[in-house]
Amino acid sequence: MDRLDLFVESIAPMVRHSLNEYSDHLTPKYVKRACKYRFKHGFYYQLIQYLPQYHLVSRSALALSKKLGFEDKCWNMQWDDQPKYDPDGRGTFHIEHVFTGEMFFRALKKLNESGGLSREALSQFIRDNYRTAWILKEEDRMLAKSNRGEFLQYALDHYREVGIELIEKPWDQPEI
């Protein structure tokens, strides 16, 4: 088991509980808000720490990061690192969840309601759909904020439709 699988194993009961309680029509509205908050902050926003992947980077953000001298860093920069490189603290660049937390919530709620939300299915869904992108703030304003489709490919298509070209960095190959 890798780090992601171990995290999912530990968190899957909380995810299922949040989704079940949210889906219950008898659950009060304030509890539903708490369920969604717990899902996003106790699970979704932590995923970036458990996935060994680079950010996707928009062509515009890559060009500006090159001009500013930190092109190599933008691929795996963390949110906490941004003020060191962003000329306006956090005003120029943006680390965006391509397949948003709301989209994750709705897709996993649907999977849970169908009875298909196992630990293995949750791990695979994360691997297939969780991506972040290093983009410019002006590009972020062009995006639909929470509804970009049901799967990652729909979200990637949305980026293309609004004119944002995302680039994927190839994994570094170990020297033999």
C-alpha atoms as a PDB file:
ATOM      1  CA  MET A   1       0.000   0.000   0.000  1.00  0.00           C
ATOM      2  CA  ASP A   2       1.287   3.468  -0.856  1.00  0.00           C
ATOM      3  CA  ARG A   3       0.766   6.677   1.141  1.00  0.00           C
ATOM      4  CA  LEU A   4      -2.465   7.545  -0.652  1.00  0.00           C
ATOM      5  CA  ASP A   5      -3.983   4.111   0.011  1.00  0.00           C
ATOM      6  CA  LEU A   6      -3.027   4.340   3.696  1.00  0.00           C
ATOM      7  CA  PHE A   7      -4.601   7.798   3.944  1.00  0.00           C
ATOM      8  CA  VAL A   8      -7.768   6.618   2.183  1.00  0.00           C
ATOM      9  CA  GLU A   9      -7.977   3.583   4.462  1.00  0.00           C
ATOM     10  CA  SER A  10      -7.879   5.865   7.503  1.00  0.00           C
ATOM     11  CA  ILE A  11     -10.276   8.494   6.139  1.00  0.00           C
ATOM     12  CA  ALA A  12     -12.814   6.419   4.154  1.00  0.00           C
ATOM     13  CA  PRO A  13     -15.182   5.920   7.134  1.00  0.00           C
ATOM     14  CA  MET A  14     -15.348   9.700   7.684  1.00  0.00           C
ATOM     15  CA  VAL A  15     -15.933  10.313   3.963  1.00  0.00           C
ATOM     16  CA  ARG A  16     -18.732   7.726   3.861  1.00  0.00           C
ATOM     17  CA  HIS A  17     -20.279   9.109   7.056  1.00  0.00           C
ATOM     18  CA  SER A  18     -20.220  12.677   5.694  1.00  0.00           C
ATOM     19  CA  LEU A  19     -21.795  11.581   2.418  1.00  0.00           C
ATOM     20  CA  ASN A  20     -24.422   9.384   4.123  1.00  0.00           C
ATOM     21  CA  GLU A  21     -25.442  12.079   6.567  1.00  0.00           C
ATOM     22  CA  TYR A  22     -25.570  14.693   3.801  1.00  0.00           C
ATOM     23  CA  SER A  23     -27.774  12.413   1.687  1.00  0.00           C
ATOM     24  CA  ASP A  24     -30.265  11.784   4.504  1.00  0.00           C
ATOM     25  CA  HIS A  25     -33.299  13.989   3.857  1.00  0.00           C
ATOM     26  CA  LEU A  26     -33.872  14.257   7.626  1.00  0.00           C
ATOM     27  CA  THR A  27     -30.468  15.836   8.237  1.00  0.00           C
ATOM     28  CA  PRO A  28     -30.784  19.511   9.231  1.00  0.00           C
ATOM     29  CA  LYS A  29     -29.267  22.080   6.886  1.00  0.00           C
ATOM     30  CA  TYR A  30     -26.594  23.165   9.402  1.00  0.00           C
ATOM     31  CA  VAL A  31     -25.427  19.541   9.761  1.00  0.00           C
ATOM     32  CA  LYS A  32     -25.299  19.177   5.969  1.00  0.00           C
ATOM     33  CA  ARG A  33     -23.027  22.251   5.855  1.00  0.00           C
ATOM     34  CA  ALA A  34     -20.824  20.626   8.504  1.00  0.00           C
ATOM     35  CA  CYS A  35     -20.706  17.387   6.469  1.00  0.00           C
ATOM     36  CA  LYS A  36     -19.537  19.227   3.373  1.00  0.00           C
ATOM     37  CA  TYR A  37     -16.994  21.219   5.385  1.00  0.00           C
ATOM     38  CA  ARG A  38     -15.628  18.015   6.967  1.00  0.00           C
ATOM     39  CA  PHE A  39     -15.426  16.362   3.538  1.00  0.00           C
ATOM     40  CA  LYS A  40     -13.524  19.235   1.959  1.00  0.00           C
ATOM     41  CA  HIS A  41     -11.223  20.181   4.835  1.00  0.00           C
ATOM     42  CA  GLY A  42     -10.757  16.767   6.422  1.00  0.00           C
ATOM     43  CA  PHE A  43     -10.261  14.944   3.141  1.00  0.00           C
ATOM     44  CA  TYR A  44     -10.240  16.765  -0.214  1.00  0.00           C
ATOM     45  CA  TYR A  45      -7.801  19.605   0.523  1.00  0.00           C
ATOM     46  CA  GLN A  46      -5.350  17.144   2.083  1.00  0.00           C
ATOM     47  CA  LEU A  47      -5.072  14.974  -1.025  1.00  0.00           C
ATOM     48  CA  ILE A  48      -2.335  17.106  -2.570  1.00  0.00           C
ATOM     49  CA  GLN A  49      -0.028  15.915   0.220  1.00  0.00           C
ATOM     50  CA  TYR A  50      -0.579  12.249  -0.652  1.00  0.00           C
ATOM     51  CA  LEU A  51      -0.375  12.225  -4.434  1.00  0.00           C
ATOM     52  CA  PRO A  52       3.019  12.055  -6.119  1.00  0.00           C
ATOM     53  CA  GLN A  53       2.227  14.334  -9.047  1.00  0.00           C
ATOM     54  CA  TYR A  54       3.240  17.653 -10.443  1.00  0.00           C
ATOM     55  CA  HIS A  55       0.842  20.551 -10.905  1.00  0.00           C
ATOM     56  CA  LEU A  56      -0.384  21.094 -14.400  1.00  0.00           C
ATOM     57  CA  VAL A  57       0.819  24.573 -15.419  1.00  0.00           C
ATOM     58  CA  SER A  58      -0.837  26.982 -17.813  1.00  0.00           C
ATOM     59  CA  ARG A  59       1.303  28.138 -20.704  1.00  0.00           C
ATOM     60  CA  SER A  60       0.851  31.748 -19.489  1.00  0.00           C
ATOM     61  CA  ALA A  61       1.881  30.941 -15.893  1.00  0.00           C
ATOM     62  CA  LEU A  62       4.896  29.004 -17.149  1.00  0.00           C
ATOM     63  CA  ALA A  63       5.999  31.919 -19.345  1.00  0.00           C
ATOM     64  CA  LEU A  64       5.685  34.400 -16.469  1.00  0.00           C
ATOM     65  CA  SER A  65       7.435  32.083 -13.993  1.00  0.00           C
ATOM     66  CA  LYS A  66      10.286  31.748 -16.497  1.00  0.00           C
ATOM     67  CA  LYS A  67      10.494  35.536 -16.841  1.00  0.00           C
ATOM     68  CA  LEU A  68      10.560  35.844 -13.023  1.00  0.00           C
ATOM     69  CA  GLY A  69      13.239  33.127 -12.709  1.00  0.00           C
ATOM     70  CA  PHE A  70      11.419  30.274 -10.997  1.00  0.00           C
ATOM     71  CA  GLU A  71      10.208  28.141 -13.913  1.00  0.00           C
ATOM     72  CA  ASP A  72      11.563  24.928 -12.301  1.00  0.00           C
ATOM     73  CA  LYS A  73       9.693  25.555  -9.039  1.00  0.00           C
ATOM     74  CA  CYS A  74       6.164  26.090 -10.381  1.00  0.00           C
ATOM     75  CA  TRP A  75       5.592  22.387 -11.121  1.00  0.00           C
ATOM     76  CA  ASN A  76       5.598  21.289  -7.493  1.00  0.00           C
ATOM     77  CA  MET A  77       5.213  24.500  -5.517  1.00  0.00           C
ATOM     78  CA  GLN A  78       2.993  24.279  -2.462  1.00  0.00           C
ATOM     79  CA  TRP A  79       0.421  26.907  -1.545  1.00  0.00           C
ATOM     80  CA  ASP A  80       2.630  27.986   1.391  1.00  0.00           C
ATOM     81  CA  ASP A  81       5.548  28.630  -1.022  1.00  0.00           C
ATOM     82  CA  GLN A  82       3.605  30.942  -3.323  1.00  0.00           C
ATOM     83  CA  PRO A  83       4.343  34.276  -1.573  1.00  0.00           C
ATOM     84  CA  LYS A  84       8.084  33.692  -2.038  1.00  0.00           C
ATOM     85  CA  TYR A  85       7.659  33.714  -5.826  1.00  0.00           C
ATOM     86  CA  ASP A  86       4.467  35.617  -6.583  1.00  0.00           C
ATOM     87  CA  PRO A  87       5.351  39.301  -7.137  1.00  0.00           C
ATOM     88  CA  ASP A  88       2.056  40.310  -5.455  1.00  0.00           C
ATOM     89  CA  GLY A  89       2.165  37.759  -2.616  1.00  0.00           C
ATOM     90  CA  ARG A  90      -0.818  35.805  -3.899  1.00  0.00           C
ATOM     91  CA  GLY A  91      -2.148  38.305  -6.421  1.00  0.00           C
ATOM     92  CA  THR A  92      -0.598  37.061  -9.674  1.00  0.00           C
ATOM     93  CA  PHE A  93      -0.633  33.243  -9.542  1.00  0.00           C
ATOM     94  CA  HIS A  94      -3.214  30.748  -8.344  1.00  0.00           C
ATOM     95  CA  ILE A  95      -3.035  27.051  -7.488  1.00  0.00           C
ATOM     96  CA  GLU A  96      -6.385  25.742  -8.689  1.00  0.00           C
ATOM     97  CA  HIS A  97      -8.100  22.396  -8.206  1.00  0.00           C
ATOM     98  CA  VAL A  98      -8.924  21.395 -11.777  1.00  0.00           C
ATOM     99  CA  PHE A  99     -11.647  18.951 -10.695  1.00  0.00           C
ATOM    100  CA  THR A 100     -13.072  21.038  -7.854  1.00  0.00           C
ATOM    101  CA  GLY A 101     -14.001  20.002  -4.326  1.00  0.00           C
ATOM    102  CA  GLU A 102     -17.685  20.493  -5.127  1.00  0.00           C
ATOM    103  CA  MET A 103     -17.349  18.233  -8.173  1.00  0.00           C
ATOM    104  CA  PHE A 104     -15.568  15.608  -6.049  1.00  0.00           C
ATOM    105  CA  PHE A 105     -18.287  15.833  -3.420  1.00  0.00           C
ATOM    106  CA  ARG A 106     -21.126  15.375  -5.931  1.00  0.00           C
ATOM    107  CA  ALA A 107     -19.399  12.520  -7.785  1.00  0.00           C
ATOM    108  CA  LEU A 108     -18.543  10.624  -4.604  1.00  0.00           C
ATOM    109  CA  LYS A 109     -22.013  11.249  -3.157  1.00  0.00           C
ATOM    110  CA  LYS A 110     -23.476   9.660  -6.282  1.00  0.00           C
ATOM    111  CA  LEU A 111     -21.037   6.737  -6.073  1.00  0.00           C
ATOM    112  CA  ASN A 112     -21.837   6.275  -2.371  1.00  0.00           C
ATOM    113  CA  GLU A 113     -25.592   6.350  -2.979  1.00  0.00           C
ATOM    114  CA  SER A 114     -25.206   3.629  -5.631  1.00  0.00           C
ATOM    115  CA  GLY A 115     -23.339   1.428  -3.114  1.00  0.00           C
ATOM    116  CA  GLY A 116     -20.071   1.582  -5.057  1.00  0.00           C
ATOM    117  CA  LEU A 117     -17.935   3.622  -2.671  1.00  0.00           C
ATOM    118  CA  SER A 118     -15.369   1.127  -1.400  1.00  0.00           C
ATOM    119  CA  ARG A 119     -11.892   2.051  -0.190  1.00  0.00           C
ATOM    120  CA  GLU A 120     -10.471   0.766  -3.482  1.00  0.00           C
ATOM    121  CA  ALA A 121     -13.000   2.726  -5.564  1.00  0.00           C
ATOM    122  CA  LEU A 122     -12.228   5.875  -3.569  1.00  0.00           C
ATOM    123  CA  SER A 123      -8.466   5.492  -4.126  1.00  0.00           C
ATOM    124  CA  GLN A 124      -8.965   4.919  -7.836  1.00  0.00           C
ATOM    125  CA  PHE A 125     -11.360   7.837  -8.181  1.00  0.00           C
ATOM    126  CA  ILE A 126      -8.775  10.126  -6.571  1.00  0.00           C
ATOM    127  CA  ARG A 127      -5.994   8.883  -8.864  1.00  0.00           C
ATOM    128  CA  ASP A 128      -8.189   9.335 -11.929  1.00  0.00           C
ATOM    129  CA  ASN A 129      -9.627  12.764 -11.109  1.00  0.00           C
ATOM    130  CA  TYR A 130      -7.549  14.804  -8.644  1.00  0.00           C
ATOM    131  CA  ARG A 131      -5.310  17.399 -10.311  1.00  0.00           C
ATOM    132  CA  THR A 132      -4.107  20.866  -9.447  1.00  0.00           C
ATOM    133  CA  ALA A 133      -2.980  23.571 -11.845  1.00  0.00           C
ATOM    134  CA  TRP A 134      -0.651  26.537 -11.424  1.00  0.00           C
ATOM    135  CA  ILE A 135      -2.385  29.315 -13.369  1.00  0.00           C
ATOM    136  CA  LEU A 136      -2.635  33.107 -13.417  1.00  0.00           C
ATOM    137  CA  LYS A 137      -5.333  34.914 -11.399  1.00  0.00           C
ATOM    138  CA  GLU A 138      -6.698  36.384 -14.633  1.00  0.00           C
ATOM    139  CA  GLU A 139      -7.115  32.827 -15.977  1.00  0.00           C
ATOM    140  CA  ASP A 140      -8.846  31.726 -12.779  1.00  0.00           C
ATOM    141  CA  ARG A 141     -11.489  34.429 -13.321  1.00  0.00           C
ATOM    142  CA  MET A 142     -12.362  32.784 -16.665  1.00  0.00           C
ATOM    143  CA  LEU A 143     -13.229  29.417 -15.082  1.00  0.00           C
ATOM    144  CA  ALA A 144     -16.562  28.112 -13.831  1.00  0.00           C
ATOM    145  CA  LYS A 145     -16.038  28.029 -10.075  1.00  0.00           C
ATOM    146  CA  SER A 146     -17.482  24.694  -9.079  1.00  0.00           C
ATOM    147  CA  ASN A 147     -19.207  22.906 -11.919  1.00  0.00           C
ATOM    148  CA  ARG A 148     -16.885  21.773 -14.676  1.00  0.00           C
ATOM    149  CA  GLY A 149     -18.455  18.388 -15.329  1.00  0.00           C
ATOM    150  CA  GLU A 150     -18.522  14.942 -13.796  1.00  0.00           C
ATOM    151  CA  PHE A 151     -14.962  13.762 -14.407  1.00  0.00           C
ATOM    152  CA  LEU A 152     -11.498  15.204 -14.844  1.00  0.00           C
ATOM    153  CA  GLN A 153     -11.682  15.113 -18.631  1.00  0.00           C
ATOM    154  CA  TYR A 154     -14.738  17.384 -18.588  1.00  0.00           C
ATOM    155  CA  ALA A 155     -12.840  19.851 -16.386  1.00  0.00           C
ATOM    156  CA  LEU A 156      -9.804  19.743 -18.701  1.00  0.00           C
ATOM    157  CA  ASP A 157     -12.120  20.380 -21.653  1.00  0.00           C
ATOM    158  CA  HIS A 158     -13.529  23.413 -19.815  1.00  0.00           C
ATOM    159  CA  TYR A 159     -10.028  24.870 -19.467  1.00  0.00           C
ATOM    160  CA  ARG A 160      -9.497  24.481 -23.217  1.00  0.00           C
ATOM    161  CA  GLU A 161     -12.916  25.988 -24.000  1.00  0.00           C
ATOM    162  CA  VAL A 162     -12.079  29.183 -22.072  1.00  0.00           C
ATOM    163  CA  GLY A 163      -8.640  29.403 -23.691  1.00  0.00           C
ATOM    164  CA  ILE A 164      -6.345  28.095 -20.947  1.00  0.00           C
ATOM    165  CA  GLU A 165      -3.695  25.711 -22.231  1.00  0.00           C
ATOM    166  CA  LEU A 166      -2.487  23.376 -19.481  1.00  0.00           C
ATOM    167  CA  ILE A 167       0.894  21.702 -19.775  1.00  0.00           C
ATOM    168  CA  GLU A 168       1.827  18.490 -18.005  1.00  0.00           C
ATOM    169  CA  LYS A 169       5.417  17.990 -16.916  1.00  0.00           C
ATOM    170  CA  PRO A 170       6.749  14.540 -17.746  1.00  0.00           C
ATOM    171  CA  TRP A 171       7.957  12.571 -14.745  1.00  0.00           C
ATOM    172  CA  ASP A 172      11.694  12.702 -14.218  1.00  0.00           C
ATOM    173  CA  GLN A 173      13.273   9.459 -15.343  1.00  0.00           C
ATOM    174  CA  PRO A 174      15.744   7.869 -12.929  1.00  0.00           C
ATOM    175  CA  GLU A 175      19.269   7.571 -14.294  1.00  0.00           C
ATOM    176  CA  ILE A 176      20.363   4.027 -15.038  1.00  0.00           C
END
